Amino acid sequence: MRPRAVIFDLWDTLVMWPIDEGVAHRDTLRERLGLTEDEFERRWMDTYRARQTGPLADAYAALGVTDGEIATYVGERTEVTRRVLRPRPGAIDTLDELGDRGVPRGLISMCSEDVPVVWPDTELAERFEVATFSASCGLVKPEPEIYLHTAAELGVEPAGCYFVGDGANDELRGAQDVGMTPVLVRHAGREPYWPEVRDWSGLSITELTEVLALL
């Protein structure tokens, strides 16, 4: 079935995941808080959902950041995101061609609030009819609501949507469970990070422009 809309993941799909920048930010935060690596990692994982679905201030407070320092930490995180939120090769061409063909474009991103803050200033923003951010809507992958919400905003039934992503957060299964057609982004030269898609037998691409051949 040809899709009536294409929905994309953001990180490691349209934008490369900034591993080095993320590690540097976390190391700086850990050192400032005076925590051991194990204790910081425990707190970091404990605050994962809070960071993805609500104010960063609340998550930083749970990590142990004092009230007077929270705004500084949030600002630093936002500036990191502003630097790294750059489209992968082929992303703009693919999105523009979809637009030229009249195919609605959606986004579903698991992200902290810095992403929707920075998003309007990116090259990507104007190329989407609908952008759903977990930090803004409080919905997460792979739970069905975030997919159904995005499809409804696009005005397309889930069965008419392709979902394109790298497989994080079990997102491909989540898309499939609501009736979407999932497409795995396999980065050339490396195995997927996520164990649940290493044996993926469904549709897959290595370059974003290959999405166009699926239409």
C-alpha atoms as a PDB file:
ATOM      1  CA  MET A   1       0.000   0.000   0.000  1.00  0.00           C
ATOM      2  CA  ARG A   2       1.354   3.404  -0.958  1.00  0.00           C
ATOM      3  CA  PRO A   3       1.478   5.738   2.031  1.00  0.00           C
ATOM      4  CA  ARG A   4      -0.746   8.786   2.287  1.00  0.00           C
ATOM      5  CA  ALA A   5       1.690  10.342   4.791  1.00  0.00           C
ATOM      6  CA  VAL A   6       5.257   9.741   5.987  1.00  0.00           C
ATOM      7  CA  ILE A   7       6.154  10.215   9.656  1.00  0.00           C
ATOM      8  CA  PHE A   8       9.799  10.484  10.698  1.00  0.00           C
ATOM      9  CA  ASP A   9      11.699  10.036  13.918  1.00  0.00           C
ATOM     10  CA  LEU A  10      14.160  12.868  14.639  1.00  0.00           C
ATOM     11  CA  TRP A  11      17.362  11.744  16.412  1.00  0.00           C
ATOM     12  CA  ASP A  12      19.605   9.373  14.453  1.00  0.00           C
ATOM     13  CA  THR A  13      17.070   9.526  11.619  1.00  0.00           C
ATOM     14  CA  LEU A  14      16.766  13.078  10.301  1.00  0.00           C
ATOM     15  CA  VAL A  15      19.532  14.365  12.581  1.00  0.00           C
ATOM     16  CA  MET A  16      22.605  12.436  13.681  1.00  0.00           C
ATOM     17  CA  TRP A  17      22.640  11.636  17.389  1.00  0.00           C
ATOM     18  CA  PRO A  18      25.280  13.934  18.987  1.00  0.00           C
ATOM     19  CA  ILE A  19      27.088  11.310  21.054  1.00  0.00           C
ATOM     20  CA  ASP A  20      30.164  13.382  21.878  1.00  0.00           C
ATOM     21  CA  GLU A  21      28.192  16.485  22.811  1.00  0.00           C
ATOM     22  CA  GLY A  22      25.814  14.449  24.965  1.00  0.00           C
ATOM     23  CA  VAL A  23      28.632  12.739  26.837  1.00  0.00           C
ATOM     24  CA  ALA A  24      30.407  16.056  27.421  1.00  0.00           C
ATOM     25  CA  HIS A  25      27.220  17.653  28.789  1.00  0.00           C
ATOM     26  CA  ARG A  26      26.584  14.752  31.136  1.00  0.00           C
ATOM     27  CA  ASP A  27      30.214  14.659  32.339  1.00  0.00           C
ATOM     28  CA  THR A  28      30.151  18.369  33.098  1.00  0.00           C
ATOM     29  CA  LEU A  29      26.870  17.985  34.971  1.00  0.00           C
ATOM     30  CA  ARG A  30      28.167  15.017  36.975  1.00  0.00           C
ATOM     31  CA  GLU A  31      31.354  16.829  37.939  1.00  0.00           C
ATOM     32  CA  ARG A  32      29.483  19.946  39.040  1.00  0.00           C
ATOM     33  CA  LEU A  33      27.155  17.841  41.176  1.00  0.00           C
ATOM     34  CA  GLY A  34      30.093  15.958  42.691  1.00  0.00           C
ATOM     35  CA  LEU A  35      28.555  12.548  41.988  1.00  0.00           C
ATOM     36  CA  THR A  36      30.229   9.251  41.251  1.00  0.00           C
ATOM     37  CA  GLU A  37      29.661   7.825  37.794  1.00  0.00           C
ATOM     38  CA  ASP A  38      27.420   5.084  39.193  1.00  0.00           C
ATOM     39  CA  GLU A  39      25.299   7.456  41.250  1.00  0.00           C
ATOM     40  CA  PHE A  40      24.950   9.941  38.408  1.00  0.00           C
ATOM     41  CA  GLU A  41      23.991   7.180  35.962  1.00  0.00           C
ATOM     42  CA  ARG A  42      21.338   5.906  38.380  1.00  0.00           C
ATOM     43  CA  ARG A  43      19.807   9.366  38.769  1.00  0.00           C
ATOM     44  CA  TRP A  44      20.077  10.030  35.035  1.00  0.00           C
ATOM     45  CA  MET A  45      18.154   6.878  34.190  1.00  0.00           C
ATOM     46  CA  ASP A  46      15.612   7.496  36.959  1.00  0.00           C
ATOM     47  CA  THR A  47      14.792  10.880  35.441  1.00  0.00           C
ATOM     48  CA  TYR A  48      14.584   9.652  31.832  1.00  0.00           C
ATOM     49  CA  ARG A  49      10.813   9.834  31.457  1.00  0.00           C
ATOM     50  CA  ALA A  50      10.632  13.139  33.335  1.00  0.00           C
ATOM     51  CA  ARG A  51      13.223  14.607  30.959  1.00  0.00           C
ATOM     52  CA  GLN A  52      11.247  13.390  27.955  1.00  0.00           C
ATOM     53  CA  THR A  53       7.777  14.477  29.015  1.00  0.00           C
ATOM     54  CA  GLY A  54       8.036  17.604  31.134  1.00  0.00           C
ATOM     55  CA  PRO A  55      10.079  20.624  32.136  1.00  0.00           C
ATOM     56  CA  LEU A  56      13.827  20.104  32.254  1.00  0.00           C
ATOM     57  CA  ALA A  57      13.831  22.135  35.455  1.00  0.00           C
ATOM     58  CA  ASP A  58      11.991  19.332  37.246  1.00  0.00           C
ATOM     59  CA  ALA A  59      14.409  16.699  35.958  1.00  0.00           C
ATOM     60  CA  TYR A  60      17.467  18.732  36.896  1.00  0.00           C
ATOM     61  CA  ALA A  61      16.048  19.301  40.356  1.00  0.00           C
ATOM     62  CA  ALA A  62      15.641  15.535  40.734  1.00  0.00           C
ATOM     63  CA  LEU A  63      19.282  15.105  39.718  1.00  0.00           C
ATOM     64  CA  GLY A  64      20.288  17.399  42.563  1.00  0.00           C
ATOM     65  CA  VAL A  65      20.750  20.748  40.817  1.00  0.00           C
ATOM     66  CA  THR A  66      19.905  23.659  43.139  1.00  0.00           C
ATOM     67  CA  ASP A  67      17.113  26.093  42.270  1.00  0.00           C
ATOM     68  CA  GLY A  68      19.559  28.917  41.631  1.00  0.00           C
ATOM     69  CA  GLU A  69      21.502  26.902  39.058  1.00  0.00           C
ATOM     70  CA  ILE A  70      18.679  25.243  37.149  1.00  0.00           C
ATOM     71  CA  ALA A  71      18.207  28.047  34.611  1.00  0.00           C
ATOM     72  CA  THR A  72      21.922  27.911  33.762  1.00  0.00           C
ATOM     73  CA  TYR A  73      21.812  24.162  33.156  1.00  0.00           C
ATOM     74  CA  VAL A  74      18.675  24.392  31.033  1.00  0.00           C
ATOM     75  CA  GLY A  75      20.234  27.192  29.000  1.00  0.00           C
ATOM     76  CA  GLU A  76      23.417  25.209  28.416  1.00  0.00           C
ATOM     77  CA  ARG A  77      21.429  22.171  27.290  1.00  0.00           C
ATOM     78  CA  THR A  78      19.393  24.314  24.906  1.00  0.00           C
ATOM     79  CA  GLU A  79      22.501  25.821  23.327  1.00  0.00           C
ATOM     80  CA  VAL A  80      23.992  22.357  22.779  1.00  0.00           C
ATOM     81  CA  THR A  81      20.789  21.343  21.005  1.00  0.00           C
ATOM     82  CA  ARG A  82      20.825  24.498  18.901  1.00  0.00           C
ATOM     83  CA  ARG A  83      24.316  23.592  17.652  1.00  0.00           C
ATOM     84  CA  VAL A  84      23.626  19.958  16.817  1.00  0.00           C
ATOM     85  CA  LEU A  85      20.098  20.057  15.426  1.00  0.00           C
ATOM     86  CA  ARG A  86      21.250  19.954  11.827  1.00  0.00           C
ATOM     87  CA  PRO A  87      19.712  17.738   9.127  1.00  0.00           C
ATOM     88  CA  ARG A  88      21.531  14.656   7.883  1.00  0.00           C
ATOM     89  CA  PRO A  89      22.570  14.535   4.224  1.00  0.00           C
ATOM     90  CA  GLY A  90      19.516  13.830   2.113  1.00  0.00           C
ATOM     91  CA  ALA A  91      17.004  14.937   4.734  1.00  0.00           C
ATOM     92  CA  ILE A  92      16.079  18.278   3.184  1.00  0.00           C
ATOM     93  CA  ASP A  93      15.942  16.890  -0.363  1.00  0.00           C
ATOM     94  CA  THR A  94      13.714  14.023   0.771  1.00  0.00           C
ATOM     95  CA  LEU A  95      11.332  16.238   2.704  1.00  0.00           C
ATOM     96  CA  ASP A  96      11.119  18.756  -0.134  1.00  0.00           C
ATOM     97  CA  GLU A  97      10.340  16.036  -2.676  1.00  0.00           C
ATOM     98  CA  LEU A  98       7.627  14.630  -0.421  1.00  0.00           C
ATOM     99  CA  GLY A  99       6.152  18.106  -0.197  1.00  0.00           C
ATOM    100  CA  ASP A 100       6.311  18.532  -3.966  1.00  0.00           C
ATOM    101  CA  ARG A 101       4.440  15.240  -4.343  1.00  0.00           C
ATOM    102  CA  GLY A 102       1.771  16.394  -1.921  1.00  0.00           C
ATOM    103  CA  VAL A 103       2.632  13.769   0.701  1.00  0.00           C
ATOM    104  CA  PRO A 104       2.033  15.118   4.243  1.00  0.00           C
ATOM    105  CA  ARG A 105       5.090  14.962   6.499  1.00  0.00           C
ATOM    106  CA  GLY A 106       4.951  14.252  10.209  1.00  0.00           C
ATOM    107  CA  LEU A 107       7.500  14.060  13.002  1.00  0.00           C
ATOM    108  CA  ILE A 108       7.444  12.110  16.265  1.00  0.00           C
ATOM    109  CA  SER A 109      10.349  12.760  18.589  1.00  0.00           C
ATOM    110  CA  MET A 110      11.223  11.499  22.042  1.00  0.00           C
ATOM    111  CA  CYS A 111      13.051  14.540  23.342  1.00  0.00           C
ATOM    112  CA  SER A 112      13.495  16.989  26.176  1.00  0.00           C
ATOM    113  CA  GLU A 113      12.006  20.478  26.055  1.00  0.00           C
ATOM    114  CA  ASP A 114      15.085  22.062  24.463  1.00  0.00           C
ATOM    115  CA  VAL A 115      14.170  20.458  21.132  1.00  0.00           C
ATOM    116  CA  PRO A 116      10.760  22.145  20.673  1.00  0.00           C
ATOM    117  CA  VAL A 117      12.314  25.402  21.900  1.00  0.00           C
ATOM    118  CA  VAL A 118      14.983  25.291  19.181  1.00  0.00           C
ATOM    119  CA  TRP A 119      12.877  23.583  16.494  1.00  0.00           C
ATOM    120  CA  PRO A 120      11.264  26.691  14.905  1.00  0.00           C
ATOM    121  CA  ASP A 121      14.728  28.037  14.042  1.00  0.00           C
ATOM    122  CA  THR A 122      15.859  24.908  12.194  1.00  0.00           C
ATOM    123  CA  GLU A 123      15.802  24.129   8.475  1.00  0.00           C
ATOM    124  CA  LEU A 124      13.534  21.198   9.222  1.00  0.00           C
ATOM    125  CA  ALA A 125      10.621  22.953  10.915  1.00  0.00           C
ATOM    126  CA  GLU A 126       8.979  24.513   7.848  1.00  0.00           C
ATOM    127  CA  ARG A 127       9.053  21.186   6.060  1.00  0.00           C
ATOM    128  CA  PHE A 128       6.592  19.428   8.376  1.00  0.00           C
ATOM    129  CA  GLU A 129       2.845  19.705   8.518  1.00  0.00           C
ATOM    130  CA  VAL A 130       2.821  18.165  12.019  1.00  0.00           C
ATOM    131  CA  ALA A 131       5.587  17.856  14.625  1.00  0.00           C
ATOM    132  CA  THR A 132       4.928  15.896  17.830  1.00  0.00           C
ATOM    133  CA  PHE A 133       7.410  16.229  20.685  1.00  0.00           C
ATOM    134  CA  SER A 134       7.120  14.042  23.771  1.00  0.00           C
ATOM    135  CA  ALA A 135       8.227  16.933  25.975  1.00  0.00           C
ATOM    136  CA  SER A 136       5.320  19.055  24.733  1.00  0.00           C
ATOM    137  CA  CYS A 137       2.513  16.499  24.630  1.00  0.00           C
ATOM    138  CA  GLY A 138       3.508  14.152  27.474  1.00  0.00           C
ATOM    139  CA  LEU A 139       3.140  11.113  25.197  1.00  0.00           C
ATOM    140  CA  VAL A 140       5.978   8.647  24.563  1.00  0.00           C
ATOM    141  CA  LYS A 141       7.034   5.907  22.172  1.00  0.00           C
ATOM    142  CA  PRO A 142       6.214   3.074  21.801  1.00  0.00           C
ATOM    143  CA  GLU A 143       2.843   3.759  23.441  1.00  0.00           C
ATOM    144  CA  PRO A 144       0.083   3.960  20.815  1.00  0.00           C
ATOM    145  CA  GLU A 145      -1.237   7.378  21.764  1.00  0.00           C
ATOM    146  CA  ILE A 146       1.699   9.313  20.344  1.00  0.00           C
ATOM    147  CA  TYR A 147       1.319   7.667  16.932  1.00  0.00           C
ATOM    148  CA  LEU A 148      -2.454   7.996  16.884  1.00  0.00           C
ATOM    149  CA  HIS A 149      -2.236  11.652  17.901  1.00  0.00           C
ATOM    150  CA  THR A 150       0.175  12.436  15.066  1.00  0.00           C
ATOM    151  CA  ALA A 151      -1.827  10.570  12.445  1.00  0.00           C
ATOM    152  CA  ALA A 152      -4.993  12.364  13.547  1.00  0.00           C
ATOM    153  CA  GLU A 153      -3.240  15.737  13.312  1.00  0.00           C
ATOM    154  CA  LEU A 154      -2.176  14.833   9.774  1.00  0.00           C
ATOM    155  CA  GLY A 155      -5.740  13.793   8.936  1.00  0.00           C
ATOM    156  CA  VAL A 156      -4.614  10.319   7.862  1.00  0.00           C
ATOM    157  CA  GLU A 157      -5.544   6.912   9.240  1.00  0.00           C
ATOM    158  CA  PRO A 158      -2.588   5.068  10.814  1.00  0.00           C
ATOM    159  CA  ALA A 159      -2.787   2.398   8.118  1.00  0.00           C
ATOM    160  CA  GLY A 160      -2.018   5.113   5.568  1.00  0.00           C
ATOM    161  CA  CYS A 161       1.222   6.175   7.275  1.00  0.00           C
ATOM    162  CA  TYR A 162       4.800   5.043   6.921  1.00  0.00           C
ATOM    163  CA  PHE A 163       6.931   5.538  10.026  1.00  0.00           C
ATOM    164  CA  VAL A 164      10.668   5.967   9.399  1.00  0.00           C
ATOM    165  CA  GLY A 165      13.121   5.640  12.288  1.00  0.00           C
ATOM    166  CA  ASP A 166      16.318   4.128  13.637  1.00  0.00           C
ATOM    167  CA  GLY A 167      14.437   1.905  16.079  1.00  0.00           C
ATOM    168  CA  ALA A 168      15.107   3.656  19.406  1.00  0.00           C
ATOM    169  CA  ASN A 169      12.466   3.326  22.132  1.00  0.00           C
ATOM    170  CA  ASP A 170      11.038   0.288  20.319  1.00  0.00           C
ATOM    171  CA  GLU A 171       9.428   2.836  18.013  1.00  0.00           C
ATOM    172  CA  LEU A 172       9.052   0.568  14.989  1.00  0.00           C
ATOM    173  CA  ARG A 173       7.019  -1.989  16.909  1.00  0.00           C
ATOM    174  CA  GLY A 174       4.930   0.833  18.348  1.00  0.00           C
ATOM    175  CA  ALA A 175       4.187   2.128  14.866  1.00  0.00           C
ATOM    176  CA  GLN A 176       3.376  -1.347  13.592  1.00  0.00           C
ATOM    177  CA  ASP A 177       1.041  -2.023  16.507  1.00  0.00           C
ATOM    178  CA  VAL A 178      -1.227   0.881  15.504  1.00  0.00           C
ATOM    179  CA  GLY A 179      -1.265  -0.183  11.843  1.00  0.00           C
ATOM    180  CA  MET A 180       1.506   1.982  10.393  1.00  0.00           C
ATOM    181  CA  THR A 181       4.148   0.571   8.072  1.00  0.00           C
ATOM    182  CA  PRO A 182       7.530   0.837   9.839  1.00  0.00           C
ATOM    183  CA  VAL A 183      10.743   1.517   7.934  1.00  0.00           C
ATOM    184  CA  LEU A 184      14.109   1.026   9.627  1.00  0.00           C
ATOM    185  CA  VAL A 185      16.949   3.455   8.957  1.00  0.00           C
ATOM    186  CA  ARG A 186      20.092   1.305   8.811  1.00  0.00           C
ATOM    187  CA  HIS A 187      23.171   3.499   8.923  1.00  0.00           C
ATOM    188  CA  ALA A 188      25.759   2.232   6.471  1.00  0.00           C
ATOM    189  CA  GLY A 189      28.801   0.663   8.085  1.00  0.00           C
ATOM    190  CA  ARG A 190      27.367  -0.119  11.499  1.00  0.00           C
ATOM    191  CA  GLU A 191      24.822  -2.331  13.191  1.00  0.00           C
ATOM    192  CA  PRO A 192      21.766  -0.664  14.710  1.00  0.00           C
ATOM    193  CA  TYR A 193      22.326   0.442  18.298  1.00  0.00           C
ATOM    194  CA  TRP A 194      19.051  -1.095  19.398  1.00  0.00           C
ATOM    195  CA  PRO A 195      18.897  -4.899  19.915  1.00  0.00           C
ATOM    196  CA  GLU A 196      15.223  -5.118  18.994  1.00  0.00           C
ATOM    197  CA  VAL A 197      15.926  -4.129  15.373  1.00  0.00           C
ATOM    198  CA  ARG A 198      19.210  -5.940  14.701  1.00  0.00           C
ATOM    199  CA  ASP A 199      17.290  -8.818  13.121  1.00  0.00           C
ATOM    200  CA  TRP A 200      14.771  -6.531  11.438  1.00  0.00           C
ATOM    201  CA  SER A 201      13.154  -8.172   8.420  1.00  0.00           C
ATOM    202  CA  GLY A 202      10.773  -5.399   7.411  1.00  0.00           C
ATOM    203  CA  LEU A 203      11.330  -2.448   5.112  1.00  0.00           C
ATOM    204  CA  SER A 204      14.660  -0.694   5.583  1.00  0.00           C
ATOM    205  CA  ILE A 205      16.761   2.051   4.017  1.00  0.00           C
ATOM    206  CA  THR A 206      20.356   3.235   4.390  1.00  0.00           C
ATOM    207  CA  GLU A 207      19.885   6.720   2.914  1.00  0.00           C
ATOM    208  CA  LEU A 208      16.935   9.008   3.576  1.00  0.00           C
ATOM    209  CA  THR A 209      16.371   9.622  -0.126  1.00  0.00           C
ATOM    210  CA  GLU A 210      15.480   5.924  -0.446  1.00  0.00           C
ATOM    211  CA  VAL A 211      12.157   6.753   1.224  1.00  0.00           C
ATOM    212  CA  LEU A 212      11.045   8.199  -2.097  1.00  0.00           C
ATOM    213  CA  ALA A 213      11.415   4.831  -3.833  1.00  0.00           C
ATOM    214  CA  LEU A 214       8.912   3.334  -1.376  1.00  0.00           C
ATOM    215  CA  LEU A 215       6.102   5.650  -2.482  1.00  0.00           C
END
